[in-house]
N, C-alpha and C. Protein backbone atom coordinates (compact mmCIF):
# COMPACT_ATOMS: atom_id res chain seq x y z
N MET A 1 -10.38 -15.25 -8.71
CA MET A 1 -9.71 -14.82 -9.52
C MET A 1 -8.06 -15.17 -8.77
N THR A 2 -7.08 -15.89 -9.43
CA THR A 2 -6.02 -15.62 -8.80
C THR A 2 -5.17 -14.81 -9.88
N HIS A 3 -4.20 -13.83 -9.19
CA HIS A 3 -3.58 -12.68 -9.30
C HIS A 3 -1.91 -13.15 -9.63
N ARG A 4 -1.90 -13.13 -10.41
CA ARG A 4 -0.17 -13.66 -10.56
C ARG A 4 0.60 -12.62 -9.72
N PRO A 5 1.97 -12.85 -9.13
CA PRO A 5 2.78 -11.67 -8.23
C PRO A 5 3.68 -11.16 -9.97
N PRO A 6 4.37 -9.81 -9.15
CA PRO A 6 5.09 -8.91 -9.94
C PRO A 6 6.83 -9.88 -9.77
N LEU A 7 7.08 -9.45 -11.49
CA LEU A 7 8.52 -10.06 -11.42
C LEU A 7 8.72 -11.58 -11.92
N GLY A 8 7.43 -12.13 -11.94
CA GLY A 8 7.13 -13.69 -12.14
C GLY A 8 7.60 -14.53 -11.04
N ALA A 9 7.42 -13.68 -9.94
CA ALA A 9 8.36 -14.93 -8.87
C ALA A 9 7.03 -15.12 -7.99
N PRO A 10 7.34 -16.67 -7.70
CA PRO A 10 6.31 -17.63 -6.81
C PRO A 10 5.79 -17.06 -5.42
N ARG A 11 7.36 -16.20 -4.83
CA ARG A 11 6.83 -15.65 -3.38
C ARG A 11 7.36 -13.90 -3.77
N VAL A 12 6.24 -13.52 -3.23
CA VAL A 12 6.17 -11.81 -3.20
C VAL A 12 6.40 -11.03 -1.88
N GLU A 13 7.17 -10.64 -1.66
CA GLU A 13 7.49 -9.89 -0.23
C GLU A 13 7.30 -8.19 -0.38
N ILE A 14 6.42 -8.09 1.06
CA ILE A 14 5.99 -6.73 0.84
C ILE A 14 6.58 -6.24 1.54
N ARG A 15 6.80 -4.77 2.16
CA ARG A 15 6.78 -4.20 3.39
C ARG A 15 5.89 -2.90 3.79
N LEU A 16 5.41 -2.22 4.17
CA LEU A 16 4.47 -1.23 4.11
C LEU A 16 5.34 -0.64 5.40
N ALA A 17 5.33 0.45 5.69
CA ALA A 17 5.99 1.11 6.70
C ALA A 17 5.60 2.80 6.89
N GLY A 18 5.28 3.22 7.99
CA GLY A 18 5.30 4.60 8.17
C GLY A 18 5.41 5.08 9.45
N SER A 19 4.45 5.70 10.52
CA SER A 19 4.42 5.81 11.41
C SER A 19 3.00 5.38 12.17
N GLY A 20 3.05 5.26 13.40
CA GLY A 20 2.34 5.30 14.24
C GLY A 20 0.73 6.09 14.04
N GLY A 21 -0.61 5.78 13.71
CA GLY A 21 -1.59 6.27 13.40
C GLY A 21 -1.79 6.60 12.21
N GLN A 22 -1.12 6.19 11.23
CA GLN A 22 -0.97 6.37 9.52
C GLN A 22 -1.96 5.04 9.55
N GLY A 23 -2.27 4.18 10.30
CA GLY A 23 -2.78 2.77 9.30
C GLY A 23 -2.13 1.92 8.69
N ILE A 24 -0.91 1.77 9.15
CA ILE A 24 -0.18 0.69 8.36
C ILE A 24 -0.27 -0.47 8.56
N ILE A 25 -0.77 -0.68 10.13
CA ILE A 25 -0.51 -2.33 10.38
C ILE A 25 -2.34 -2.81 10.16
N LEU A 26 -3.23 -1.79 10.14
CA LEU A 26 -4.60 -1.95 9.45
C LEU A 26 -4.66 -2.44 8.19
N ALA A 27 -3.59 -1.98 7.47
CA ALA A 27 -3.38 -1.47 5.68
C ALA A 27 -2.86 -2.72 5.34
N GLY A 28 -1.80 -3.53 6.38
CA GLY A 28 -1.32 -4.69 6.14
C GLY A 28 -2.33 -6.00 6.48
N LEU A 29 -3.34 -5.79 7.62
CA LEU A 29 -4.22 -6.38 7.72
C LEU A 29 -4.96 -6.73 6.55
N VAL A 30 -5.78 -5.71 5.98
CA VAL A 30 -6.99 -5.88 5.14
C VAL A 30 -5.69 -6.36 3.96
N LEU A 31 -4.15 -6.43 3.76
CA LEU A 31 -4.21 -7.07 1.77
C LEU A 31 -3.98 -8.21 2.70
N THR A 32 -3.51 -8.88 3.79
CA THR A 32 -3.40 -9.97 3.86
C THR A 32 -4.78 -10.65 4.21
N GLU A 33 -5.52 -10.30 4.55
CA GLU A 33 -6.92 -11.49 4.72
C GLU A 33 -7.30 -11.12 3.39
N ALA A 34 -7.10 -9.85 2.32
CA ALA A 34 -7.72 -10.07 1.14
C ALA A 34 -7.38 -10.72 0.18
N VAL A 35 -6.08 -10.84 -0.11
CA VAL A 35 -5.48 -11.87 -0.62
C VAL A 35 -5.56 -13.66 0.05
N GLY A 36 -5.19 -13.93 1.30
CA GLY A 36 -5.43 -14.97 1.53
C GLY A 36 -7.32 -15.48 1.64
N VAL A 37 -8.02 -14.70 2.02
CA VAL A 37 -9.51 -15.53 2.19
C VAL A 37 -9.98 -15.37 0.69
N PHE A 38 -9.75 -14.28 -0.03
CA PHE A 38 -10.60 -13.81 -0.98
C PHE A 38 -9.83 -14.26 -2.70
N GLU A 39 -8.87 -13.99 -2.58
CA GLU A 39 -7.80 -14.43 -3.81
C GLU A 39 -7.40 -16.04 -3.57
N GLY A 40 -7.71 -16.22 -2.44
CA GLY A 40 -7.22 -18.00 -2.37
C GLY A 40 -5.51 -18.46 -2.20
N ARG A 41 -4.47 -17.28 -1.69
CA ARG A 41 -3.08 -18.03 -1.74
C ARG A 41 -2.91 -17.63 -0.62
N GLU A 42 -1.74 -18.07 -0.33
CA GLU A 42 -0.63 -18.67 0.38
C GLU A 42 -0.77 -17.13 0.86
N VAL A 43 -0.46 -16.85 2.73
CA VAL A 43 -0.12 -15.39 3.05
C VAL A 43 0.34 -15.46 4.45
N ALA A 44 1.28 -14.97 5.03
CA ALA A 44 1.65 -14.44 5.74
C ALA A 44 2.41 -12.96 6.28
N MET A 45 1.75 -12.25 7.48
CA MET A 45 2.23 -10.99 7.67
C MET A 45 2.66 -11.13 9.53
N VAL A 46 3.97 -10.18 9.62
CA VAL A 46 4.62 -9.81 10.28
C VAL A 46 4.49 -8.31 10.92
N GLN A 47 4.36 -7.87 12.38
CA GLN A 47 3.95 -6.44 12.48
C GLN A 47 5.14 -6.16 13.35
N SER A 48 5.21 -4.50 13.30
CA SER A 48 6.07 -4.25 14.32
C SER A 48 5.51 -2.75 14.70
N TYR A 49 5.67 -2.60 16.39
CA TYR A 49 5.63 -1.12 16.35
C TYR A 49 6.77 -0.29 16.96
N GLY A 50 6.63 0.95 17.05
CA GLY A 50 7.75 1.94 17.15
C GLY A 50 7.34 1.98 18.97
N PRO A 51 8.45 2.51 19.35
CA PRO A 51 8.24 2.88 20.88
C PRO A 51 6.93 3.70 21.41
N GLU A 52 6.04 4.39 20.21
CA GLU A 52 4.84 5.04 20.72
C GLU A 52 3.40 4.28 20.14
N ALA A 53 2.79 4.35 21.08
CA ALA A 53 1.52 4.38 19.90
C ALA A 53 1.00 5.00 18.64
N ARG A 54 1.18 6.48 18.81
CA ARG A 54 1.48 7.27 17.54
C ARG A 54 2.05 8.57 17.57
N GLY A 55 2.87 8.10 16.33
CA GLY A 55 4.05 8.96 15.72
C GLY A 55 5.05 8.01 15.86
N GLY A 56 5.13 7.19 16.39
CA GLY A 56 6.54 6.01 16.51
C GLY A 56 6.79 5.12 15.26
N ALA A 57 7.55 4.42 14.47
CA ALA A 57 7.50 3.72 13.28
C ALA A 57 6.68 2.62 13.71
N SER A 58 5.83 2.05 12.20
CA SER A 58 5.24 1.05 12.34
C SER A 58 6.01 0.56 11.08
N LYS A 59 5.36 -0.76 10.89
CA LYS A 59 5.96 -2.15 9.30
C LYS A 59 5.10 -3.08 9.66
N ALA A 60 4.81 -3.42 8.20
CA ALA A 60 3.99 -4.67 8.45
C ALA A 60 4.83 -5.44 6.98
N GLU A 61 5.20 -6.54 6.98
CA GLU A 61 5.90 -7.46 6.05
C GLU A 61 4.31 -8.02 6.09
N ILE A 62 4.39 -8.22 4.50
CA ILE A 62 3.28 -9.87 4.14
C ILE A 62 4.01 -10.24 2.80
N ILE A 63 3.95 -11.80 3.71
CA ILE A 63 4.40 -12.70 1.94
C ILE A 63 3.25 -13.24 1.73
N ILE A 64 3.31 -13.33 0.46
CA ILE A 64 2.22 -13.92 -0.97
C ILE A 64 3.01 -15.06 -1.27
N SER A 65 2.62 -15.90 -1.66
CA SER A 65 3.04 -17.24 -2.33
C SER A 65 2.32 -17.62 -2.66
N ASP A 66 2.90 -18.95 -3.86
CA ASP A 66 1.56 -19.94 -4.33
C ASP A 66 1.73 -20.68 -3.51
N LEU A 67 3.05 -21.39 -2.49
CA LEU A 67 3.71 -21.80 -2.20
C LEU A 67 3.50 -22.10 -0.64
N PRO A 68 3.61 -23.34 0.56
CA PRO A 68 3.34 -23.03 1.29
C PRO A 68 4.46 -22.48 1.83
N ILE A 69 4.25 -21.40 2.63
CA ILE A 69 5.36 -20.52 3.30
C ILE A 69 5.94 -20.82 4.68
N ASP A 70 7.26 -20.97 4.61
CA ASP A 70 8.04 -21.65 5.58
C ASP A 70 9.10 -20.82 6.12
N TYR A 71 9.41 -19.29 5.63
CA TYR A 71 9.48 -18.41 6.41
C TYR A 71 8.99 -17.05 5.92
N PRO A 72 8.29 -16.33 7.20
CA PRO A 72 7.24 -15.28 7.08
C PRO A 72 8.11 -13.68 7.04
N LEU A 73 9.16 -13.62 7.22
CA LEU A 73 9.86 -12.51 6.93
C LEU A 73 10.43 -11.93 5.72
N CYS A 74 10.55 -10.74 5.45
CA CYS A 74 10.89 -10.30 4.15
C CYS A 74 12.74 -10.52 4.16
N THR A 75 13.25 -10.84 3.56
CA THR A 75 14.69 -10.96 2.57
C THR A 75 15.04 -10.81 1.68
N ARG A 76 13.84 -9.87 0.82
CA ARG A 76 14.44 -9.34 -0.90
C ARG A 76 12.99 -8.60 -1.21
N VAL A 77 12.88 -7.98 -0.82
CA VAL A 77 11.42 -6.95 -0.71
C VAL A 77 11.02 -6.71 -2.28
N ASP A 78 10.12 -6.89 -2.89
CA ASP A 78 9.73 -6.63 -3.80
C ASP A 78 9.19 -5.64 -4.14
N LEU A 79 8.28 -4.91 -2.70
CA LEU A 79 7.15 -3.91 -2.81
C LEU A 79 7.24 -3.43 -1.75
N LEU A 80 7.84 -1.99 -1.58
CA LEU A 80 8.20 -0.88 -0.48
C LEU A 80 7.33 0.03 -0.11
N LEU A 81 6.22 -0.28 0.66
CA LEU A 81 5.57 1.27 0.80
C LEU A 81 5.98 2.12 1.87
N ALA A 82 6.50 3.43 1.65
CA ALA A 82 6.72 4.54 2.53
C ALA A 82 5.94 5.67 2.51
N MET A 83 5.69 5.26 4.27
CA MET A 83 4.74 6.93 4.47
C MET A 83 5.27 8.02 4.93
N THR A 84 6.27 7.78 5.25
CA THR A 84 7.04 8.82 6.24
C THR A 84 8.70 9.24 5.75
N GLN A 85 9.11 10.03 5.91
CA GLN A 85 10.82 9.75 5.64
C GLN A 85 11.56 9.10 6.60
N ASP A 86 10.94 8.95 7.63
CA ASP A 86 11.77 8.00 8.63
C ASP A 86 11.28 6.74 7.87
N ALA A 87 10.07 6.16 7.91
CA ALA A 87 10.45 4.88 7.27
C ALA A 87 10.56 4.69 6.18
N ALA A 88 10.73 5.12 5.25
CA ALA A 88 11.66 5.41 4.13
C ALA A 88 13.03 5.58 4.58
N ASP A 89 14.04 5.69 5.45
CA ASP A 89 15.08 5.88 5.76
C ASP A 89 15.05 4.32 6.23
N VAL A 90 14.78 4.29 6.93
CA VAL A 90 14.91 3.14 8.23
C VAL A 90 14.60 1.56 7.31
N PHE A 91 13.58 1.60 7.09
CA PHE A 91 13.05 0.45 6.20
C PHE A 91 13.42 -0.08 4.86
N CYS A 92 14.26 0.99 4.34
CA CYS A 92 14.80 0.89 2.38
C CYS A 92 15.71 -0.47 2.61
N TRP A 93 16.34 -1.10 3.52
CA TRP A 93 17.10 -2.36 2.80
C TRP A 93 16.49 -3.60 3.02
N GLY A 94 16.96 -4.86 2.10
CA GLY A 94 16.91 -5.65 1.80
C GLY A 94 16.05 -5.38 0.34
N LEU A 95 16.39 -4.66 -0.47
CA LEU A 95 15.41 -4.50 -1.31
C LEU A 95 15.57 -5.41 -2.68
N ASN A 96 15.05 -6.32 -3.66
CA ASN A 96 15.24 -6.84 -4.87
C ASN A 96 15.18 -5.17 -5.99
N PRO A 97 16.70 -5.66 -6.23
CA PRO A 97 16.98 -4.20 -7.37
C PRO A 97 16.04 -4.03 -8.44
N LYS A 98 14.64 -4.69 -8.25
CA LYS A 98 13.98 -4.29 -9.21
C LYS A 98 12.25 -4.00 -8.13
N ALA A 99 12.54 -3.88 -7.23
CA ALA A 99 11.64 -3.36 -6.03
C ALA A 99 10.88 -2.15 -6.64
N LEU A 100 9.37 -2.41 -6.51
CA LEU A 100 8.43 -1.35 -6.61
C LEU A 100 8.86 -0.44 -5.66
N ILE A 101 8.84 0.80 -5.75
CA ILE A 101 8.92 1.47 -4.12
C ILE A 101 8.19 2.61 -4.54
N ILE A 102 6.89 2.81 -3.54
CA ILE A 102 5.70 3.54 -3.58
C ILE A 102 6.27 4.77 -2.46
N VAL A 103 6.22 5.81 -2.74
CA VAL A 103 6.26 6.64 -1.18
C VAL A 103 5.38 7.88 -1.39
N ASP A 104 5.00 8.19 -0.02
CA ASP A 104 3.89 8.83 -0.02
C ASP A 104 4.85 10.80 -0.36
N ARG A 105 4.54 11.45 -1.03
CA ARG A 105 5.05 12.84 -1.62
C ARG A 105 5.08 13.45 -0.54
N ASP A 106 3.81 13.76 0.08
CA ASP A 106 3.86 14.72 1.17
C ASP A 106 4.91 14.75 2.08
N LEU A 107 4.95 13.72 2.56
CA LEU A 107 5.98 12.80 3.88
C LEU A 107 7.09 12.66 3.66
N VAL A 108 7.65 12.36 2.50
CA VAL A 108 8.63 11.78 2.12
C VAL A 108 9.41 12.39 0.92
N PRO A 109 10.14 13.99 1.49
CA PRO A 109 10.67 14.44 0.41
C PRO A 109 12.03 14.11 -0.33
N HIS A 110 12.32 13.07 0.30
CA HIS A 110 13.65 12.97 -0.11
C HIS A 110 13.75 11.11 -0.10
N PRO A 111 13.22 10.45 -1.26
CA PRO A 111 13.03 9.06 -1.63
C PRO A 111 14.12 8.44 -1.54
N PRO A 112 13.99 6.79 -0.77
CA PRO A 112 15.37 6.10 -1.00
C PRO A 112 16.43 5.77 -2.33
N THR A 113 15.32 6.18 -3.54
CA THR A 113 15.86 6.05 -4.99
C THR A 113 15.33 6.96 -5.60
N SER A 114 16.19 7.21 -6.87
CA SER A 114 15.49 7.78 -7.96
C SER A 114 14.12 7.05 -8.71
N ARG A 115 14.21 5.60 -8.35
CA ARG A 115 13.04 5.22 -9.11
C ARG A 115 12.04 5.17 -8.37
N ALA A 116 11.83 5.67 -7.30
CA ALA A 116 10.91 5.59 -6.19
C ALA A 116 9.77 6.14 -7.01
N ILE A 117 8.19 5.68 -6.84
CA ILE A 117 7.08 6.30 -7.15
C ILE A 117 6.50 7.18 -5.96
N ALA A 118 6.63 8.69 -6.46
CA ALA A 118 6.25 9.59 -5.37
C ALA A 118 4.52 10.03 -5.56
N LEU A 119 3.87 9.58 -4.46
CA LEU A 119 2.43 9.76 -4.58
C LEU A 119 1.63 11.03 -3.99
N PRO A 120 1.25 11.24 -4.07
CA PRO A 120 -0.33 12.82 -3.10
C PRO A 120 -0.92 11.63 -2.46
N LEU A 121 -0.37 10.90 -1.58
CA LEU A 121 -1.76 10.09 -0.91
C LEU A 121 -2.04 10.65 0.44
N THR A 122 -2.09 11.38 1.16
CA THR A 122 -2.14 12.06 1.99
C THR A 122 -2.70 13.35 1.55
N THR A 123 -2.30 14.21 0.51
CA THR A 123 -2.96 15.35 -0.01
C THR A 123 -4.40 14.66 -0.38
N ALA A 124 -3.90 14.09 -1.53
CA ALA A 124 -5.33 13.27 -1.87
C ALA A 124 -6.61 13.21 -0.80
N ALA A 125 -6.06 12.67 0.42
CA ALA A 125 -7.02 12.11 1.34
C ALA A 125 -7.49 13.15 1.82
N ARG A 126 -7.08 14.05 2.11
CA ARG A 126 -7.37 15.49 2.75
C ARG A 126 -7.92 16.39 2.13
N ASP A 127 -7.55 16.40 0.90
CA ASP A 127 -8.30 17.28 -0.32
C ASP A 127 -9.56 16.77 -0.54
N ARG A 128 -9.75 15.20 -1.60
CA ARG A 128 -10.15 15.13 -1.73
C ARG A 128 -11.47 14.45 -1.19
N LEU A 129 -10.72 13.74 -0.29
CA LEU A 129 -11.90 12.73 0.91
C LEU A 129 -12.00 13.51 1.77
N LYS A 130 -11.57 14.68 2.59
CA LYS A 130 -11.70 15.68 3.62
C LYS A 130 -10.94 14.17 4.93
N SER A 131 -10.47 13.50 4.80
CA SER A 131 -10.24 12.85 5.58
C SER A 131 -8.47 12.37 5.81
N PRO A 132 -7.96 12.56 6.02
CA PRO A 132 -6.22 12.41 5.71
C PRO A 132 -5.95 10.86 6.40
N MET A 133 -6.93 9.98 6.88
CA MET A 133 -6.41 9.13 7.84
C MET A 133 -6.73 8.01 6.17
N ALA A 134 -7.55 8.55 5.28
CA ALA A 134 -8.01 7.43 4.24
C ALA A 134 -6.69 7.17 3.32
N ALA A 135 -5.66 7.82 3.68
CA ALA A 135 -4.27 7.60 3.12
C ALA A 135 -4.21 6.26 2.38
N ASN A 136 -3.77 5.54 3.78
CA ASN A 136 -3.66 4.26 3.95
C ASN A 136 -4.44 3.38 2.61
N VAL A 137 -6.13 3.78 2.91
CA VAL A 137 -6.71 2.68 1.69
C VAL A 137 -6.52 3.15 0.11
N ILE A 138 -6.08 4.28 0.24
CA ILE A 138 -5.42 4.82 -1.38
C ILE A 138 -4.54 4.26 -1.81
N ALA A 139 -3.41 4.01 -0.39
CA ALA A 139 -2.22 3.28 -0.91
C ALA A 139 -2.67 1.99 -1.29
N LEU A 140 -3.63 1.49 -0.65
CA LEU A 140 -3.71 0.03 -1.18
C LEU A 140 -4.54 0.15 -2.15
N GLY A 141 -5.57 1.12 -2.43
CA GLY A 141 -5.46 0.94 -4.13
C GLY A 141 -4.96 1.44 -5.23
N VAL A 142 -3.56 1.73 -4.67
CA VAL A 142 -2.51 1.99 -5.53
C VAL A 142 -2.07 0.45 -6.02
N ILE A 143 -1.46 -0.10 -4.70
CA ILE A 143 -0.86 -1.46 -4.72
C ILE A 143 -2.04 -2.28 -5.31
N SER A 144 -3.02 -2.38 -5.25
CA SER A 144 -4.24 -3.12 -6.32
C SER A 144 -4.00 -3.07 -7.83
N GLU A 145 -3.64 -1.53 -8.04
CA GLU A 145 -3.51 -1.71 -9.18
C GLU A 145 -2.42 -1.94 -10.21
N MET A 146 -1.34 -1.01 -9.55
CA MET A 146 0.30 -1.78 -10.18
C MET A 146 0.84 -2.98 -9.95
N THR A 147 0.37 -4.02 -9.45
CA THR A 147 0.74 -5.11 -9.14
C THR A 147 -0.03 -6.07 -9.04
N ASN A 148 -1.62 -5.67 -9.55
CA ASN A 148 -2.46 -6.96 -10.06
C ASN A 148 -2.64 -8.15 -9.29
N LEU A 149 -1.80 -7.78 -7.37
CA LEU A 149 -1.72 -8.81 -6.69
C LEU A 149 -3.16 -9.39 -5.84
N VAL A 150 -4.11 -8.11 -6.13
CA VAL A 150 -5.24 -8.22 -5.02
C VAL A 150 -6.50 -7.57 -6.08
N SER A 151 -7.61 -7.78 -6.00
CA SER A 151 -8.49 -6.94 -6.84
C SER A 151 -9.21 -5.95 -5.61
N ARG A 152 -9.78 -5.05 -6.40
CA ARG A 152 -10.51 -4.29 -5.62
C ARG A 152 -11.43 -4.43 -5.11
N ARG A 153 -11.98 -5.68 -5.58
CA ARG A 153 -13.48 -6.19 -4.94
C ARG A 153 -12.96 -7.07 -3.59
N SER A 154 -11.97 -7.74 -3.89
CA SER A 154 -11.42 -8.45 -2.53
C SER A 154 -11.10 -7.25 -1.23
N LEU A 155 -10.57 -6.78 -1.74
CA LEU A 155 -10.10 -4.80 -0.45
C LEU A 155 -11.40 -4.47 -0.15
N GLU A 156 -12.27 -4.31 -0.66
CA GLU A 156 -13.94 -4.02 -0.47
C GLU A 156 -14.51 -4.99 0.66
N LYS A 157 -14.38 -6.17 0.35
CA LYS A 157 -15.25 -7.05 1.28
C LYS A 157 -14.44 -7.06 2.45
N VAL A 158 -12.86 -6.95 2.51
CA VAL A 158 -12.21 -7.23 3.77
C VAL A 158 -12.17 -5.51 4.64
N LEU A 159 -12.47 -4.45 3.54
CA LEU A 159 -12.56 -2.93 4.57
C LEU A 159 -14.16 -3.14 5.31
N LEU A 160 -15.34 -3.52 4.52
CA LEU A 160 -16.68 -3.64 4.93
C LEU A 160 -16.48 -4.79 6.27
N ARG A 161 -15.78 -5.87 6.34
CA ARG A 161 -15.87 -6.52 7.63
C ARG A 161 -14.83 -5.96 8.59
N LYS A 162 -14.11 -5.08 8.32
CA LYS A 162 -13.16 -5.03 9.77
C LYS A 162 -13.80 -3.48 10.08
N LEU A 163 -14.02 -2.41 9.43
CA LEU A 163 -14.38 -1.44 9.51
C LEU A 163 -16.18 -1.26 9.62
N SER A 164 -16.65 -0.25 9.97
CA SER A 164 -17.80 0.18 9.94
C SER A 164 -18.07 0.36 8.93
N SER A 165 -19.70 0.06 9.02
CA SER A 165 -20.62 0.34 7.58
C SER A 165 -20.37 1.36 7.50
N GLU A 166 -20.44 3.26 7.93
CA GLU A 166 -20.57 3.79 8.32
C GLU A 166 -19.67 4.49 7.02
N LYS A 167 -18.81 4.03 7.15
CA LYS A 167 -17.34 4.15 6.55
C LYS A 167 -17.41 3.40 5.14
N GLU A 168 -18.44 2.99 4.81
CA GLU A 168 -17.96 2.19 3.47
C GLU A 168 -17.99 3.08 2.22
N THR A 169 -18.92 3.89 2.19
CA THR A 169 -18.64 4.90 0.91
C THR A 169 -17.30 5.50 0.81
N LEU A 170 -16.84 5.73 2.16
CA LEU A 170 -15.44 6.84 2.20
C LEU A 170 -14.33 5.48 1.73
N ASN A 171 -14.45 4.52 2.30
CA ASN A 171 -13.18 3.49 1.81
C ASN A 171 -13.52 3.01 0.14
N LYS A 172 -14.55 3.06 -0.67
CA LYS A 172 -14.91 2.67 -1.71
C LYS A 172 -14.60 3.90 -2.22
N LYS A 173 -14.07 5.33 -1.99
CA LYS A 173 -14.04 6.19 -2.69
C LYS A 173 -12.49 6.57 -2.81
N ALA A 174 -11.97 5.71 -1.20
CA ALA A 174 -10.87 6.04 -1.21
C ALA A 174 -9.81 4.76 -2.25
N LEU A 175 -10.60 3.95 -2.25
CA LEU A 175 -9.67 2.86 -2.77
C LEU A 175 -9.61 3.07 -4.57
N SER A 176 -11.52 3.79 -5.06
CA SER A 176 -11.20 4.38 -6.41
C SER A 176 -10.16 5.16 -6.62
N LEU A 177 -9.50 6.04 -5.58
CA LEU A 177 -8.80 7.10 -5.88
C LEU A 177 -7.47 6.79 -6.09
N GLY A 178 -7.12 5.42 -5.41
CA GLY A 178 -6.04 4.76 -5.50
C GLY A 178 -5.91 4.79 -6.80
N ILE A 179 -6.63 3.62 -7.40
CA ILE A 179 -6.54 3.09 -8.78
C ILE A 179 -6.04 4.10 -9.70
N ARG A 180 -7.34 4.94 -9.73
CA ARG A 180 -7.24 6.32 -10.46
C ARG A 180 -5.87 6.75 -10.57
N MET A 181 -5.08 6.97 -9.46
CA MET A 181 -3.56 7.61 -9.15
C MET A 181 -2.99 6.95 -10.16
N ALA A 182 -2.94 5.46 -9.37
CA ALA A 182 -2.31 4.48 -10.56
C ALA A 182 -2.46 4.58 -11.87
N LYS A 183 -3.51 4.64 -12.43
CA LYS A 183 -3.48 4.47 -13.85
C LYS A 183 -3.22 5.71 -14.55
N VAL A 184 -3.20 6.92 -13.99
CA VAL A 184 -3.10 8.42 -14.48
C VAL A 184 -1.60 8.01 -13.97
N TYR A 185 -0.81 7.70 -13.46
CA TYR A 185 0.99 7.58 -13.41
C TYR A 185 1.64 6.62 -14.95
N ALA A 186 0.76 5.43 -14.64
CA ALA A 186 1.36 4.75 -15.74
C ALA A 186 1.03 5.41 -17.18
N ARG A 187 0.14 5.66 -17.33
CA ARG A 187 -0.21 6.31 -18.27
C ARG A 187 0.40 7.72 -18.93
N THR A 188 0.74 8.26 -18.03
CA THR A 188 1.52 9.99 -18.20
C THR A 188 2.90 9.74 -17.78
N GLN A 189 2.51 9.03 -16.28
CA GLN A 189 3.80 9.69 -15.23
C GLN A 189 3.80 10.80 -15.00
N ALA A 190 2.41 11.47 -14.52
CA ALA A 190 2.09 12.96 -14.94
C ALA A 190 2.83 13.48 -13.24
N PRO A 191 3.68 14.74 -13.37
CA PRO A 191 3.63 15.08 -12.35
C PRO A 191 2.32 15.20 -10.98
N ALA A 192 3.00 15.29 -9.81
CA ALA A 192 2.08 15.11 -8.84
C ALA A 192 0.68 15.84 -8.64
N GLU A 193 0.77 17.21 -9.35
CA GLU A 193 -0.45 18.24 -9.24
C GLU A 193 -1.47 18.07 -10.42
N GLU A 194 -0.97 16.96 -11.61
CA GLU A 194 -1.93 16.77 -12.49
C GLU A 194 -2.16 15.59 -12.12
N MET A 195 -1.53 14.45 -11.31
CA MET A 195 -2.73 13.48 -10.79
C MET A 195 -3.59 13.82 -9.69
N GLU A 196 -3.57 14.67 -8.96
CA GLU A 196 -4.63 15.22 -8.39
C GLU A 196 -5.69 15.62 -9.10
N ALA A 197 -5.34 16.38 -10.22
CA ALA A 197 -6.01 17.33 -10.89
C ALA A 197 -7.39 16.15 -11.60
N GLU A 198 -6.49 15.55 -12.40
CA GLU A 198 -7.11 14.33 -13.18
C GLU A 198 -7.90 13.16 -12.27
N ALA A 199 -7.58 12.93 -11.02
CA ALA A 199 -8.73 11.91 -10.00
C ALA A 199 -9.11 12.65 -8.87
N GLU A 200 -9.48 14.40 -9.56
CA GLU A 200 -10.46 15.04 -8.75
C GLU A 200 -12.19 14.07 -8.56
N ASP A 201 -12.44 14.06 -10.06
CA ASP A 201 -13.41 13.33 -10.01
C ASP A 201 -14.05 12.06 -9.45
N MET A 202 -13.10 11.20 -8.75
CA MET A 202 -13.05 10.19 -8.23
C MET A 202 -13.80 10.76 -6.73
């Protein structure tokens, strides 16, 4: 199945940003492989790390296109995911005026714009899944539902290939939770606490 990019563009630019240890680069790799291998689209990813392995800034930029990619860096970001306040402050440049901006409500108290969608990614991972490290997979579920760029099935296939089979159930639950969270937001644009409550059964 081929998914169309948001905004009707043949080229979609995505920037995932956070701190070392949050799995930002892994999320980028999973998204890139899911789109390229299982969705059949042109895709490229460039990653960067901060000075520290854990705690320093990290960023993954993914280009998705219907045409061959001649320049693999973001110049007009269509989707920004910021998982920390530092990431939101440092990496909010070069945004499309209509960019979809998703932030982790728990770690980004001051989003770069009032249009940002603040979701309780880390809280949901900790309280619902008992695994704060699953916040990055929850975010992938949100992106899948909100953009239609990649299917849940494609993401699940890559997660199973890249991570141990022992984490298969956790990753499926995390993707389901992210998809559910996005659906609740789209339906009600509810406060974060209500989204957590409605997604609890996932």
